[in-house]
C-alpha atoms as a PDB file:
ATOM      1  CA  MET A   1       8.057  15.115  33.148  1.00  0.00           C
ATOM      2  CA  LYS A   2       5.344  12.547  33.663  1.00  0.00           C
ATOM      3  CA  ASN A   3       5.922   9.114  32.179  1.00  0.00           C
ATOM      4  CA  ARG A   4       2.353   8.606  31.041  1.00  0.00           C
ATOM      5  CA  PHE A   5       1.546   9.216  27.399  1.00  0.00           C
ATOM      6  CA  CYS A   6       0.716  12.824  26.447  1.00  0.00           C
ATOM      7  CA  ILE A   7      -0.714  13.769  23.047  1.00  0.00           C
ATOM      8  CA  LYS A   8       0.545  17.345  23.397  1.00  0.00           C
ATOM      9  CA  ARG A   9       4.175  16.277  23.845  1.00  0.00           C
ATOM     10  CA  CYS A  10       3.830  13.767  21.008  1.00  0.00           C
ATOM     11  CA  SER A  11       2.522  16.486  18.675  1.00  0.00           C
ATOM     12  CA  ARG A  12       5.457  18.726  19.604  1.00  0.00           C
ATOM     13  CA  VAL A  13       7.900  15.973  18.707  1.00  0.00           C
ATOM     14  CA  LEU A  14       6.071  15.486  15.421  1.00  0.00           C
ATOM     15  CA  ARG A  15       6.293  19.206  14.634  1.00  0.00           C
ATOM     16  CA  TRP A  16      10.023  19.103  15.377  1.00  0.00           C
ATOM     17  CA  LEU A  17      10.480  16.136  13.048  1.00  0.00           C
ATOM     18  CA  VAL A  18       8.516  17.851  10.273  1.00  0.00           C
ATOM     19  CA  SER A  19      10.594  21.004  10.740  1.00  0.00           C
ATOM     20  CA  VAL A  20      13.858  19.067  10.584  1.00  0.00           C
ATOM     21  CA  ASN A  21      12.694  17.153   7.515  1.00  0.00           C
ATOM     22  CA  ARG A  22      10.983  19.985   5.617  1.00  0.00           C
ATOM     23  CA  GLY A  23      13.667  19.875   2.918  1.00  0.00           C
ATOM     24  CA  THR A  24      13.172  16.140   2.485  1.00  0.00           C
ATOM     25  CA  LEU A  25       9.389  16.583   2.377  1.00  0.00           C
ATOM     26  CA  LEU A  26       9.633  19.237  -0.334  1.00  0.00           C
ATOM     27  CA  GLY A  27      12.051  17.057  -2.273  1.00  0.00           C
ATOM     28  CA  LEU A  28       9.701  14.083  -1.981  1.00  0.00           C
ATOM     29  CA  PHE A  29       6.761  16.156  -3.229  1.00  0.00           C
ATOM     30  CA  ALA A  30       8.703  17.634  -6.144  1.00  0.00           C
ATOM     31  CA  GLY A  31      10.228  14.287  -7.080  1.00  0.00           C
ATOM     32  CA  ALA A  32       6.870  12.496  -7.037  1.00  0.00           C
ATOM     33  CA  ALA A  33       5.190  15.268  -9.058  1.00  0.00           C
ATOM     34  CA  VAL A  34       7.915  15.608 -11.696  1.00  0.00           C
ATOM     35  CA  GLY A  35       8.465  11.863 -11.933  1.00  0.00           C
ATOM     36  CA  MET A  36       4.743  11.212 -12.342  1.00  0.00           C
ATOM     37  CA  PHE A  37       4.420  13.881 -15.034  1.00  0.00           C
ATOM     38  CA  LEU A  38       7.432  12.703 -17.048  1.00  0.00           C
ATOM     39  CA  ILE A  39       6.444   9.034 -16.910  1.00  0.00           C
ATOM     40  CA  GLU A  40       2.843   9.762 -17.929  1.00  0.00           C
ATOM     41  CA  MET A  41       3.966  11.917 -20.843  1.00  0.00           C
ATOM     42  CA  GLY A  42       6.554   9.306 -21.803  1.00  0.00           C
ATOM     43  CA  MET A  43       3.857   6.625 -21.874  1.00  0.00           C
ATOM     44  CA  TYR A  44       1.797   8.762 -24.243  1.00  0.00           C
ATOM     45  CA  LEU A  45       4.685   9.610 -26.576  1.00  0.00           C
ATOM     46  CA  LEU A  46       5.917   6.010 -26.787  1.00  0.00           C
ATOM     47  CA  HIS A  47       2.459   4.414 -27.222  1.00  0.00           C
ATOM     48  CA  THR A  48       0.259   6.872 -29.089  1.00  0.00           C
ATOM     49  CA  SER A  49      -1.763   3.978 -30.536  1.00  0.00           C
ATOM     50  CA  TYR A  50      -3.435   3.384 -27.154  1.00  0.00           C
ATOM     51  CA  THR A  51      -6.995   4.407 -26.612  1.00  0.00           C
ATOM     52  CA  PRO A  52      -7.457   6.868 -23.723  1.00  0.00           C
ATOM     53  CA  GLY A  53      -8.894   4.072 -21.584  1.00  0.00           C
ATOM     54  CA  GLY A  54      -5.899   1.814 -22.230  1.00  0.00           C
ATOM     55  CA  TYR A  55      -3.530   4.705 -21.618  1.00  0.00           C
ATOM     56  CA  LEU A  56      -5.094   5.463 -18.228  1.00  0.00           C
ATOM     57  CA  ASN A  57      -4.976   1.771 -17.311  1.00  0.00           C
ATOM     58  CA  HIS A  58      -1.207   1.783 -17.862  1.00  0.00           C
ATOM     59  CA  ILE A  59      -0.897   4.893 -15.707  1.00  0.00           C
ATOM     60  CA  ARG A  60      -2.988   3.180 -13.026  1.00  0.00           C
ATOM     61  CA  GLY A  61      -0.613   0.240 -12.900  1.00  0.00           C
ATOM     62  CA  PHE A  62       2.388   2.519 -12.505  1.00  0.00           C
ATOM     63  CA  VAL A  63       0.760   4.591  -9.759  1.00  0.00           C
ATOM     64  CA  VAL A  64      -0.199   1.480  -7.765  1.00  0.00           C
ATOM     65  CA  PHE A  65       3.385   0.223  -8.012  1.00  0.00           C
ATOM     66  CA  GLY A  66       4.709   3.664  -7.073  1.00  0.00           C
ATOM     67  CA  LEU A  67       2.467   3.869  -4.004  1.00  0.00           C
ATOM     68  CA  ALA A  68       3.578   0.442  -2.794  1.00  0.00           C
ATOM     69  CA  ALA A  69       7.248   1.354  -3.288  1.00  0.00           C
ATOM     70  CA  LEU A  70       6.718   4.685  -1.509  1.00  0.00           C
ATOM     71  CA  VAL A  71       5.172   2.984   1.538  1.00  0.00           C
ATOM     72  CA  LEU A  72       7.934   0.407   1.852  1.00  0.00           C
ATOM     73  CA  VAL A  73      10.822   2.825   1.303  1.00  0.00           C
ATOM     74  CA  CYS A  74       9.461   5.343   3.831  1.00  0.00           C
ATOM     75  CA  VAL A  75       8.692   2.758   6.483  1.00  0.00           C
ATOM     76  CA  SER A  76      11.948   0.823   6.096  1.00  0.00           C
ATOM     77  CA  SER A  77      13.891   4.084   6.466  1.00  0.00           C
ATOM     78  CA  ALA A  78      11.817   5.142   9.459  1.00  0.00           C
ATOM     79  CA  PHE A  79      14.593   5.789  11.944  1.00  0.00           C
ATOM     80  CA  THR A  80      17.590   6.407   9.673  1.00  0.00           C
ATOM     81  CA  ASN A  81      17.896   8.610   6.597  1.00  0.00           C
ATOM     82  CA  PHE A  82      14.366  10.003   6.254  1.00  0.00           C
ATOM     83  CA  THR A  83      14.100  11.286   9.821  1.00  0.00           C
ATOM     84  CA  GLN A  84      17.605  12.752   9.884  1.00  0.00           C
ATOM     85  CA  ILE A  85      18.386  11.133  13.235  1.00  0.00           C
ATOM     86  CA  GLY A  86      21.080   8.923  11.775  1.00  0.00           C
ATOM     87  CA  SER A  87      23.666  11.722  12.183  1.00  0.00           C
ATOM     88  CA  LYS A  88      25.280  12.223  15.578  1.00  0.00           C
ATOM     89  CA  GLN A  89      24.118  15.827  16.025  1.00  0.00           C
ATOM     90  CA  GLN A  90      20.484  15.177  15.127  1.00  0.00           C
ATOM     91  CA  ARG A  91      20.477  11.990  17.163  1.00  0.00           C
ATOM     92  CA  ALA A  92      21.670  13.858  20.233  1.00  0.00           C
ATOM     93  CA  THR A  93      18.971  16.512  19.808  1.00  0.00           C
ATOM     94  CA  PHE A  94      16.300  13.880  19.301  1.00  0.00           C
ATOM     95  CA  LEU A  95      17.333  11.875  22.366  1.00  0.00           C
ATOM     96  CA  MET A  96      17.156  15.007  24.545  1.00  0.00           C
ATOM     97  CA  LEU A  97      13.664  16.047  23.482  1.00  0.00           C
ATOM     98  CA  PRO A  98      11.320  16.347  26.517  1.00  0.00           C
ATOM     99  CA  ALA A  99       9.098  13.391  25.664  1.00  0.00           C
ATOM    100  CA  THR A 100       8.819   9.726  26.569  1.00  0.00           C
ATOM    101  CA  ASN A 101      10.079   6.945  24.327  1.00  0.00           C
ATOM    102  CA  GLY A 102       6.509   5.987  23.457  1.00  0.00           C
ATOM    103  CA  GLU A 103       5.676   9.547  22.376  1.00  0.00           C
ATOM    104  CA  LYS A 104       8.817   9.781  20.240  1.00  0.00           C
ATOM    105  CA  PHE A 105       8.203   6.382  18.714  1.00  0.00           C
ATOM    106  CA  LEU A 106       4.604   7.238  17.825  1.00  0.00           C
ATOM    107  CA  ALA A 107       5.669  10.609  16.382  1.00  0.00           C
ATOM    108  CA  VAL A 108       8.275   9.001  14.102  1.00  0.00           C
ATOM    109  CA  THR A 109       5.807   6.294  13.079  1.00  0.00           C
ATOM    110  CA  PHE A 110       3.177   8.915  12.230  1.00  0.00           C
ATOM    111  CA  LEU A 111       5.760  10.904  10.272  1.00  0.00           C
ATOM    112  CA  VAL A 112       6.894   8.070   8.011  1.00  0.00           C
ATOM    113  CA  THR A 113       3.505   6.400   7.688  1.00  0.00           C
ATOM    114  CA  ILE A 114       1.099   9.330   7.365  1.00  0.00           C
ATOM    115  CA  VAL A 115       3.041  12.526   6.651  1.00  0.00           C
ATOM    116  CA  TYR A 116       5.464  11.122   4.099  1.00  0.00           C
ATOM    117  CA  MET A 117       2.781   9.043   2.438  1.00  0.00           C
ATOM    118  CA  SER A 118       0.436  12.054   2.244  1.00  0.00           C
ATOM    119  CA  VAL A 119       3.160  14.236   0.722  1.00  0.00           C
ATOM    120  CA  GLY A 120       4.042  11.523  -1.799  1.00  0.00           C
ATOM    121  CA  ILE A 121       0.388  11.023  -2.773  1.00  0.00           C
ATOM    122  CA  LEU A 122      -0.070  14.790  -3.169  1.00  0.00           C
ATOM    123  CA  GLY A 123       2.976  14.737  -5.432  1.00  0.00           C
ATOM    124  CA  PHE A 124       1.410  12.008  -7.583  1.00  0.00           C
ATOM    125  CA  VAL A 125      -1.832  14.002  -7.757  1.00  0.00           C
ATOM    126  CA  ALA A 126       0.037  17.171  -8.713  1.00  0.00           C
ATOM    127  CA  GLY A 127       1.958  15.331 -11.450  1.00  0.00           C
ATOM    128  CA  ASP A 128      -1.221  13.785 -12.842  1.00  0.00           C
ATOM    129  CA  SER A 129      -2.993  17.161 -12.724  1.00  0.00           C
ATOM    130  CA  LEU A 130      -0.078  18.791 -14.547  1.00  0.00           C
ATOM    131  CA  ARG A 131      -0.289  16.122 -17.256  1.00  0.00           C
ATOM    132  CA  MET A 132      -4.036  16.703 -17.568  1.00  0.00           C
ATOM    133  CA  GLY A 133      -3.494  20.460 -17.946  1.00  0.00           C
ATOM    134  CA  VAL A 134      -0.762  20.059 -20.557  1.00  0.00           C
ATOM    135  CA  MET A 135      -2.828  17.593 -22.604  1.00  0.00           C
ATOM    136  CA  ALA A 136      -5.965  19.722 -22.372  1.00  0.00           C
ATOM    137  CA  ALA A 137      -4.013  22.799 -23.514  1.00  0.00           C
ATOM    138  CA  TRP A 138      -2.335  20.862 -26.326  1.00  0.00           C
ATOM    139  CA  ASN A 139      -5.735  19.584 -27.438  1.00  0.00           C
ATOM    140  CA  GLN A 140      -6.824  23.186 -28.024  1.00  0.00           C
ATOM    141  CA  LEU A 141      -3.954  23.643 -30.501  1.00  0.00           C
ATOM    142  CA  HIS A 142      -3.737  20.162 -31.997  1.00  0.00           C
ATOM    143  CA  PRO A 143      -6.789  18.007 -31.172  1.00  0.00           C
ATOM    144  CA  LEU A 144      -5.902  14.607 -29.761  1.00  0.00           C
ATOM    145  CA  ALA A 145      -7.793  11.876 -31.538  1.00  0.00           C
ATOM    146  CA  GLY A 146      -9.586   9.104 -29.701  1.00  0.00           C
ATOM    147  CA  VAL A 147     -12.100   8.651 -26.929  1.00  0.00           C
ATOM    148  CA  SER A 148     -13.042   5.551 -24.990  1.00  0.00           C
ATOM    149  CA  TYR A 149     -16.665   4.722 -24.246  1.00  0.00           C
ATOM    150  CA  ILE A 150     -16.849   2.596 -21.133  1.00  0.00           C
ATOM    151  CA  SER A 151     -20.145   1.393 -19.697  1.00  0.00           C
ATOM    152  CA  ASP A 152     -20.363   2.038 -15.966  1.00  0.00           C
ATOM    153  CA  GLY A 153     -23.730   0.319 -15.472  1.00  0.00           C
ATOM    154  CA  ASP A 154     -25.753   3.528 -15.481  1.00  0.00           C
ATOM    155  CA  GLY A 155     -24.785   4.849 -18.864  1.00  0.00           C
ATOM    156  CA  ILE A 156     -21.733   5.745 -20.908  1.00  0.00           C
ATOM    157  CA  GLN A 157     -18.524   7.016 -19.337  1.00  0.00           C
ATOM    158  CA  TYR A 158     -16.404   9.195 -21.598  1.00  0.00           C
ATOM    159  CA  THR A 159     -12.650   8.903 -21.164  1.00  0.00           C
ATOM    160  CA  TYR A 160     -10.392  11.420 -22.895  1.00  0.00           C
ATOM    161  CA  TRP A 161      -6.626  11.680 -23.139  1.00  0.00           C
ATOM    162  CA  TRP A 162      -6.662  14.426 -20.498  1.00  0.00           C
ATOM    163  CA  SER A 163      -8.929  12.535 -18.093  1.00  0.00           C
ATOM    164  CA  SER A 164      -7.621  11.872 -14.599  1.00  0.00           C
ATOM    165  CA  ALA A 165      -6.184   8.451 -13.775  1.00  0.00           C
ATOM    166  CA  LEU A 166      -7.046   8.765 -10.079  1.00  0.00           C
ATOM    167  CA  PRO A 167     -10.552   7.173 -10.262  1.00  0.00           C
ATOM    168  CA  LYS A 168      -9.036   4.074 -11.860  1.00  0.00           C
ATOM    169  CA  VAL A 169      -6.304   3.973  -9.218  1.00  0.00           C
ATOM    170  CA  LEU A 170      -8.839   4.177  -6.367  1.00  0.00           C
ATOM    171  CA  ALA A 171     -10.983   1.458  -7.962  1.00  0.00           C
ATOM    172  CA  HIS A 172      -7.929  -0.773  -8.413  1.00  0.00           C
ATOM    173  CA  LEU A 173      -6.813  -0.323  -4.801  1.00  0.00           C
ATOM    174  CA  ASN A 174     -10.195  -1.493  -3.523  1.00  0.00           C
ATOM    175  CA  PRO A 175      -9.732  -5.172  -2.559  1.00  0.00           C
ATOM    176  CA  ASP A 176     -11.778  -7.567  -4.696  1.00  0.00           C
ATOM    177  CA  ILE A 177     -13.647  -9.262  -1.862  1.00  0.00           C
ATOM    178  CA  PRO A 178     -17.071 -10.647  -2.780  1.00  0.00           C
ATOM    179  CA  ILE A 179     -20.170  -9.648  -0.862  1.00  0.00           C
ATOM    180  CA  ASN A 180     -23.284 -11.783  -0.842  1.00  0.00           C
ATOM    181  CA  GLY A 181     -25.224 -10.974  -4.004  1.00  0.00           C
ATOM    182  CA  ASP A 182     -22.257  -9.972  -6.212  1.00  0.00           C
ATOM    183  CA  TYR A 183     -22.224 -11.691  -9.560  1.00  0.00           C
ATOM    184  CA  PHE A 184     -20.039 -12.383 -12.560  1.00  0.00           C
ATOM    185  CA  ILE A 185     -21.296 -12.790 -16.111  1.00  0.00           C
ATOM    186  CA  TYR A 186     -19.731 -15.573 -18.143  1.00  0.00           C
ATOM    187  CA  GLY A 187     -19.887 -15.763 -21.909  1.00  0.00           C
ATOM    188  CA  GLU A 188     -21.710 -13.344 -24.200  1.00  0.00           C
ATOM    189  CA  GLY A 189     -24.757 -11.374 -23.157  1.00  0.00           C
ATOM    190  CA  ASN A 190     -26.691 -12.004 -19.961  1.00  0.00           C
ATOM    191  CA  SER A 191     -27.469 -15.651 -20.617  1.00  0.00           C
ATOM    192  CA  SER A 192     -25.096 -16.988 -17.965  1.00  0.00           C
ATOM    193  CA  LYS A 193     -24.957 -15.175 -14.632  1.00  0.00           C
ATOM    194  CA  CYS A 194     -23.237 -16.537 -11.527  1.00  0.00           C
ATOM    195  CA  VAL A 195     -24.185 -15.135  -8.130  1.00  0.00           C
ATOM    196  CA  GLN A 196     -21.586 -15.339  -5.343  1.00  0.00           C
ATOM    197  CA  VAL A 197     -23.111 -16.595  -2.099  1.00  0.00           C
ATOM    198  CA  CYS A 198     -21.036 -15.954   1.013  1.00  0.00           C
ATOM    199  CA  SER A 199     -21.695 -15.383   4.697  1.00  0.00           C
ATOM    200  CA  LEU A 200     -20.956 -12.227   6.664  1.00  0.00           C
ATOM    201  CA  GLY A 201     -18.218 -14.087   8.523  1.00  0.00           C
ATOM    202  CA  TYR A 202     -16.535 -15.003   5.241  1.00  0.00           C
ATOM    203  CA  THR A 203     -16.474 -11.358   4.106  1.00  0.00           C
ATOM    204  CA  VAL A 204     -15.218 -10.119   7.494  1.00  0.00           C
ATOM    205  CA  VAL A 205     -12.386 -12.669   7.648  1.00  0.00           C
ATOM    206  CA  ARG A 206     -11.260 -11.874   4.108  1.00  0.00           C
ATOM    207  CA  TYR A 207     -11.157  -8.159   4.884  1.00  0.00           C
ATOM    208  CA  ALA A 208      -9.354  -8.931   8.150  1.00  0.00           C
ATOM    209  CA  LEU A 209      -6.759 -11.030   6.302  1.00  0.00           C
ATOM    210  CA  PHE A 210      -6.200  -8.226   3.806  1.00  0.00           C
ATOM    211  CA  VAL A 211      -5.671  -5.644   6.570  1.00  0.00           C
ATOM    212  CA  ALA A 212      -3.547  -8.040   8.654  1.00  0.00           C
ATOM    213  CA  PHE A 213      -1.243  -8.716   5.696  1.00  0.00           C
ATOM    214  CA  LEU A 214      -0.720  -4.982   5.119  1.00  0.00           C
ATOM    215  CA  ALA A 215      -0.075  -4.418   8.832  1.00  0.00           C
ATOM    216  CA  TRP A 216       2.421  -7.289   8.916  1.00  0.00           C
ATOM    217  CA  GLY A 217       4.306  -5.864   5.929  1.00  0.00           C
ATOM    218  CA  HIS A 218       4.328  -2.420   7.562  1.00  0.00           C
ATOM    219  CA  SER A 219       5.624  -3.811  10.871  1.00  0.00           C
ATOM    220  CA  LEU A 220       8.289  -5.926   9.170  1.00  0.00           C
ATOM    221  CA  PHE A 221       9.760  -3.006   7.234  1.00  0.00           C
ATOM    222  CA  MET A 222       9.557  -0.829  10.345  1.00  0.00           C
ATOM    223  CA  LEU A 223      11.490  -3.402  12.368  1.00  0.00           C
ATOM    224  CA  GLY A 224      14.127  -3.587   9.647  1.00  0.00           C
ATOM    225  CA  GLY A 225      14.375   0.195   9.467  1.00  0.00           C
ATOM    226  CA  THR A 226      14.681   0.464  13.241  1.00  0.00           C
ATOM    227  CA  GLN A 227      17.335  -2.228  13.658  1.00  0.00           C
ATOM    228  CA  LEU A 228      19.442  -1.564  10.542  1.00  0.00           C
ATOM    229  CA  ARG A 229      21.193   1.693   9.729  1.00  0.00           C
ATOM    230  CA  ARG A 230      22.208   0.620   6.231  1.00  0.00           C
ATOM    231  CA  TYR A 231      20.401  -1.296   3.500  1.00  0.00           C
ATOM    232  CA  ALA A 232      17.267  -1.509   5.637  1.00  0.00           C
ATOM    233  CA  PHE A 233      14.977  -1.538   2.608  1.00  0.00           C
ATOM    234  CA  VAL A 234      16.951  -4.261   0.814  1.00  0.00           C
ATOM    235  CA  ALA A 235      17.197  -6.518   3.851  1.00  0.00           C
ATOM    236  CA  SER A 236      13.542  -6.047   4.830  1.00  0.00           C
ATOM    237  CA  GLY A 237      12.442  -6.617   1.239  1.00  0.00           C
ATOM    238  CA  LEU A 238      14.381  -9.876   1.001  1.00  0.00           C
ATOM    239  CA  VAL A 239      12.855 -11.135   4.254  1.00  0.00           C
ATOM    240  CA  PHE A 240       9.385 -10.115   3.055  1.00  0.00           C
ATOM    241  CA  LEU A 241       9.763 -11.890  -0.306  1.00  0.00           C
ATOM    242  CA  LEU A 242      11.269 -14.981   1.333  1.00  0.00           C
ATOM    243  CA  ALA A 243       8.404 -15.235   3.847  1.00  0.00           C
ATOM    244  CA  VAL A 244       5.750 -14.860   1.132  1.00  0.00           C
ATOM    245  CA  TRP A 245       7.536 -17.398  -1.108  1.00  0.00           C
ATOM    246  CA  LEU A 246       7.862 -19.965   1.701  1.00  0.00           C
ATOM    247  CA  TYR A 247       4.193 -19.554   2.598  1.00  0.00           C
ATOM    248  CA  ALA A 248       3.116 -19.980  -1.030  1.00  0.00           C
ATOM    249  CA  GLN A 249       5.402 -22.984  -1.479  1.00  0.00           C
ATOM    250  CA  GLY A 250       4.028 -24.599   1.658  1.00  0.00           C
ATOM    251  CA  MET A 251       0.442 -24.164   0.493  1.00  0.00           C
ATOM    252  CA  THR A 252       1.289 -25.580  -2.936  1.00  0.00           C
ATOM    253  CA  THR A 253       3.274 -28.517  -1.573  1.00  0.00           C
ATOM    254  CA  PHE A 254       0.638 -29.597   0.937  1.00  0.00           C
ATOM    255  CA  ASP A 255      -2.318 -28.624  -1.280  1.00  0.00           C
ATOM    256  CA  LEU A 256      -3.749 -26.129   1.210  1.00  0.00           C
ATOM    257  CA  TYR A 257      -6.261 -23.346   0.579  1.00  0.00           C
ATOM    258  CA  LEU A 258      -7.593 -20.342   2.474  1.00  0.00           C
ATOM    259  CA  TYR A 259     -11.008 -20.356   0.781  1.00  0.00           C
ATOM    260  CA  ASN A 260     -13.263 -22.864  -0.871  1.00  0.00           C
ATOM    261  CA  TYR A 261     -15.613 -22.217  -3.779  1.00  0.00           C
ATOM    262  CA  THR A 262     -18.366 -24.772  -4.312  1.00  0.00           C
ATOM    263  CA  PRO A 263     -20.346 -24.387  -7.546  1.00  0.00           C
ATOM    264  CA  TYR A 264     -24.079 -24.997  -7.462  1.00  0.00           C
ATOM    265  CA  TYR A 265     -25.649 -26.093 -10.724  1.00  0.00           C
ATOM    266  CA  ALA A 266     -29.336 -25.837 -11.570  1.00  0.00           C
ATOM    267  CA  ILE A 267     -31.364 -27.269 -14.445  1.00  0.00           C
ATOM    268  CA  ASN A 268     -33.159 -24.885 -16.795  1.00  0.00           C
ATOM    269  CA  LYS A 269     -36.448 -25.620 -18.558  1.00  0.00           C
ATOM    270  CA  ASP A 270     -34.652 -27.260 -21.505  1.00  0.00           C
ATOM    271  CA  GLY A 271     -32.896 -29.757 -19.240  1.00  0.00           C
ATOM    272  CA  PHE A 272     -29.439 -28.162 -19.409  1.00  0.00           C
ATOM    273  CA  ALA A 273     -27.358 -27.632 -16.273  1.00  0.00           C
ATOM    274  CA  TYR A 274     -26.044 -24.135 -15.675  1.00  0.00           C
ATOM    275  CA  LEU A 275     -23.951 -22.516 -12.963  1.00  0.00           C
ATOM    276  CA  GLU A 276     -26.413 -20.650 -10.752  1.00  0.00           C
ATOM    277  CA  HIS A 277     -24.169 -19.528  -7.910  1.00  0.00           C
ATOM    278  CA  ASP A 278     -20.899 -20.121  -6.064  1.00  0.00           C
ATOM    279  CA  VAL A 279     -20.918 -20.870  -2.347  1.00  0.00           C
ATOM    280  CA  HIS A 280     -17.883 -19.289  -0.651  1.00  0.00           C
ATOM    281  CA  THR A 281     -16.586 -20.836   2.570  1.00  0.00           C
ATOM    282  CA  LEU A 282     -13.479 -20.471   4.729  1.00  0.00           C
ATOM    283  CA  GLU A 283     -10.886 -23.173   5.306  1.00  0.00           C
ATOM    284  CA  PRO A 284      -9.315 -23.639   8.793  1.00  0.00           C
ATOM    285  CA  LEU A 285      -6.012 -22.348   7.389  1.00  0.00           C
ATOM    286  CA  ALA A 286      -7.611 -18.917   6.937  1.00  0.00           C
ATOM    287  CA  TYR A 287      -8.108 -18.548  10.693  1.00  0.00           C
ATOM    288  CA  VAL A 288      -4.607 -19.904  11.416  1.00  0.00           C
ATOM    289  CA  THR A 289      -3.082 -17.439   8.943  1.00  0.00           C
ATOM    290  CA  LEU A 290      -5.025 -14.525  10.431  1.00  0.00           C
ATOM    291  CA  ILE A 291      -3.897 -15.361  13.981  1.00  0.00           C
ATOM    292  CA  LEU A 292      -0.308 -15.858  12.821  1.00  0.00           C
ATOM    293  CA  LEU A 293      -0.243 -12.499  11.005  1.00  0.00           C
ATOM    294  CA  VAL A 294      -1.632 -10.704  14.066  1.00  0.00           C
ATOM    295  CA  LEU A 295       0.955 -12.313  16.370  1.00  0.00           C
ATOM    296  CA  LEU A 296       3.854 -11.566  14.012  1.00  0.00           C
ATOM    297  CA  THR A 297       2.681  -7.984  13.582  1.00  0.00           C
ATOM    298  CA  CYS A 298       2.475  -7.430  17.341  1.00  0.00           C
ATOM    299  CA  PHE A 299       5.946  -8.944  17.794  1.00  0.00           C
ATOM    300  CA  ASN A 300       7.465  -6.761  15.057  1.00  0.00           C
ATOM    301  CA  TYR A 301       6.029  -3.577  16.550  1.00  0.00           C
ATOM    302  CA  TRP A 302       7.139  -4.600  20.043  1.00  0.00           C
ATOM    303  CA  ALA A 303      10.655  -5.462  18.837  1.00  0.00           C
ATOM    304  CA  SER A 304      10.868  -2.196  16.884  1.00  0.00           C
ATOM    305  CA  PHE A 305       9.914  -0.195  19.968  1.00  0.00           C
ATOM    306  CA  HIS A 306      12.331  -2.235  22.096  1.00  0.00           C
ATOM    307  CA  VAL A 307      15.191  -1.349  19.735  1.00  0.00           C
ATOM    308  CA  PHE A 308      14.058   2.275  19.674  1.00  0.00           C
ATOM    309  CA  LYS A 309      14.171   2.537  23.476  1.00  0.00           C
ATOM    310  CA  HIS A 310      17.854   1.598  23.439  1.00  0.00           C
ATOM    311  CA  PHE A 311      18.941   4.172  20.863  1.00  0.00           C
ATOM    312  CA  GLU A 312      22.360   5.578  21.787  1.00  0.00           C
ATOM    313  CA  LEU A 313      24.380   8.570  20.655  1.00  0.00           C
ATOM    314  CA  ILE A 314      27.159   6.410  19.254  1.00  0.00           C
ATOM    315  CA  THR A 315      26.127   3.106  17.711  1.00  0.00           C
ATOM    316  CA  ASN A 316      27.405   0.502  15.332  1.00  0.00           C
ATOM    317  CA  LYS A 317      27.521   1.803  11.751  1.00  0.00           C
ATOM    318  CA  TRP A 318      25.317  -1.107  10.638  1.00  0.00           C
ATOM    319  CA  THR A 319      22.760  -1.499  13.429  1.00  0.00           C
ATOM    320  CA  ASN A 320      21.034   0.565  16.121  1.00  0.00           C
ATOM    321  CA  TYR A 321      20.869  -2.277  18.629  1.00  0.00           C
ATOM    322  CA  ASP A 322      23.543  -4.808  19.539  1.00  0.00           C
ATOM    323  CA  ILE A 323      21.642  -7.991  20.401  1.00  0.00           C
ATOM    324  CA  LEU A 324      24.735  -9.736  21.808  1.00  0.00           C
ATOM    325  CA  LYS A 325      25.173  -7.076  24.512  1.00  0.00           C
ATOM    326  CA  ARG A 326      21.584  -7.281  25.832  1.00  0.00           C
END
């Protein structure tokens, strides 16, 4: 077998992993679908005074939280329970597969990051669709009162009790990063409009920071799941929260900022000053944070792969890699 990377061998490993984990995949889909349906119906039964728009907003918040939890649980359990290579028999079979370590590592990463996430998302969609069908059918027998009228800029958007929550979820997941020309309206009516002025570099760096933070979180939980055989999610979560807390505390203590917003005031014809636009600029800490996140992410992935290469048939019941012996 050649040592260079081969997509064909990697895909075969991935198919083997999917085959071994088909029961877990079906359970994940069914659990996400049933859980989503029951929680959505429970929200309606417990808070029937909500308008449809408010009801869907509550569903949106739950789905966003559920997606985040799904990502972290899957990734932190990458090489233990979810892939069924924690048992001695499955571990032996996996280690003997005709593929390089890099191909196996990429296959497992793809499984827990893409396959499991896709199955979980499909489960959420199925649960939401089931709730929509049940509410639409119930409305034919006993009409559900209430409809929300939400302006979308081009007209009126009608939101019913059986409307899908997915559009709100997708809109909420989109990072709120200003682009030159965006504006906020303060106060009543259109009398006070503030235009956000920012450079292309500002927008690019903010998007890069957002992606780098997600990648760092993914790599951290993957490293924890690779190194630890038990309580990987708990340990990785504690490290994640501690790192975020220390970073926030450091910024607060030393009065540091990633971005700077400078208001620009103009004088109207009556002599009153009004906020015309905000000028958005980057602080040096933004570049330092971006570089630091990229370096930490690369280290976590490298360390995870390094641990993976030294997988053995019989290992410590707590860890996959004994640092003191290397």
